[in-house]
Amino acid sequence: MHSWPRAVGRLPRAFALSLAPVVLAACAEDAPDDASPDDDLDKSALHGWVVIERAEGDGRVRTSVSAKFLQVGRVGSLQSEIGERDSSSQTFATAASLVGGRVNVPAVGDCVPLGSLEETASEHPGVSIDLVDVGDVTLQIQEPDAGHAEERTTRLSLSPRAFPDIGDLVSGVFYTSPDASVGLPVPAEYEIGGTGSTSVDAFLIDVRAPEAPRNLVVAGVLADDEEGASAGLPPITVASGADIEIGWRSLQPGVSSQDVSSAGGLIFVDVRSEGDADSFAHRCTFPDGGAAVLPSGVLHPRATAASLTIHRLAERSSTMRGMEDAHGATVVFDLSRTVRLDVTHGAAPHSAAPHSAAPRDAAGAIVASDAQP
C-alpha cells in the first residue's frame, strides 16, 4: 500500500475523502467482455498507453503527445505488491507509471508538496517492460468546424524515439509529437493509428477528448473571458494566509467525492509561489464538481506572486481495434490553464480591471457556470 505524504491542510468536508491512492476509472467505451483479467500476464499481452497534454497560459498553448505500447514481463512480484484482486489493466497502469505514463496526484481531498509525489522505479522491483515498435504512428483529430457542416481534420505524425535505459526495467521505443506548438483542439474526436510491424498488427484507437477547464473563477474573480482565454488579463490578487476559492465549468455537475471513480475524471491544481519562495509548490486534488477551496498553506508566507494551474485529468479506456487479438488501450488527457496571482500581505485583496466579479448563488457560493448540456 502506498504511504501518502502528510497533507498541508485538509480541504472542506465536502471534498474530504479517504487516503486511498487515486485510480481513474475508464469513462469511454469499455473493453470487450472477453478481455478478462489475467493474473498470469506475460509478454504476449500488449497495452497501448497514450498521454495527451495541452497547457494554456500567458497567451500561449503548449502541447505534447506521448504514445507507448507496453508488454510487461516478470509480473509475479508486481502482482503480489498491488494485490491479488488487481486486474491486468491495472497492472499495465502500474507499469505505465514507471515510464512516465501517469500523473502523480495526491488522494482526492488532499494538498501535498509537489516534491513529495516523486516516485522511483525501485518501488516496483521485478518488473520488466518492453516498449514495442508498432510501425508508423499517427494522430488524427476531428472537430466541428464552426459555420460549416463538415468537420475539420488535423493529422499529426509521431516520431519514434529510443527510451532511456532504466537498468534492466525498460527497453524499446516510444512515440512523441514533433514540437510543443502543434495544435491539439479540444473537445474533439481523437484517433491514434499504427501501421504495424513484424510482430504487431495495424490498429486504431478511438477516444473523445474532454473540454479544457473553462470559466475559471479565483478568489471570486473571473479569470478568463467567454471563450476561455486569459491572455492580456492582469494577475488576480489574493491575500496571504487566506484560503482561496476556485471554480470552473464542470463536465460532471454535482459529482461528489465518492463518485470520482465512477465519473472517471478529476481536477488537480498546482500552486507555485514565486520570488524568494520559487521552490515552494503544492498540488491539490478535487472531484470535477465545479468548485473547491485551496487551503492557505499552499502559498509561501513570504510569497508576493504565484501561479495557479488547474488541470482536468481524464483517462479514456479503449481497444486497439483491427488487431487479431483484443488488446486494450488507455488514453490520458491532461488539459490545463494557468492563472497569475499577486499576493498581498496585511491588506484586503483587490484585482485591477478588466476582471469582473464572479456570480454567486443565494447562499453566497461562487457559481462558475452551468455545465455543458
Foldseek 3Di string as FASTA:
>chain_A
DDDFDDFPDFFPPQFDDDQDFDDFAADADDFDPVPWFDPQAFQVAKEKFKEWEWEDEQNAIWIKIKIFIKGKHQCVQVCVVVDVPDGVVVSVVVLCVQQVRDDQAGQTRGKDWPVRRDDHPVVRPRMAMEGDDFAWKKKKKWDCDPPDPGTDIDIFTWDKDWRDDDDRHYGYIMTMGPGTRDDDDPQTKMKMWGCGDPSWHTFIWIDTGHDFWALKAKQQWGQADPVRDNHPFDAFEDEQQAKMKMFTAFQDAPDGNVCRRVVFKWKKKKKAFDDPRRSQIMMHIGHRHTITIGGNVSYDNPGQKMKMKMWIWGKHKTWGPPTPDTHIYIYIYIHMYMGIYGYDYPDDTDGDPPMDGADADPVRHGDSDYHDD
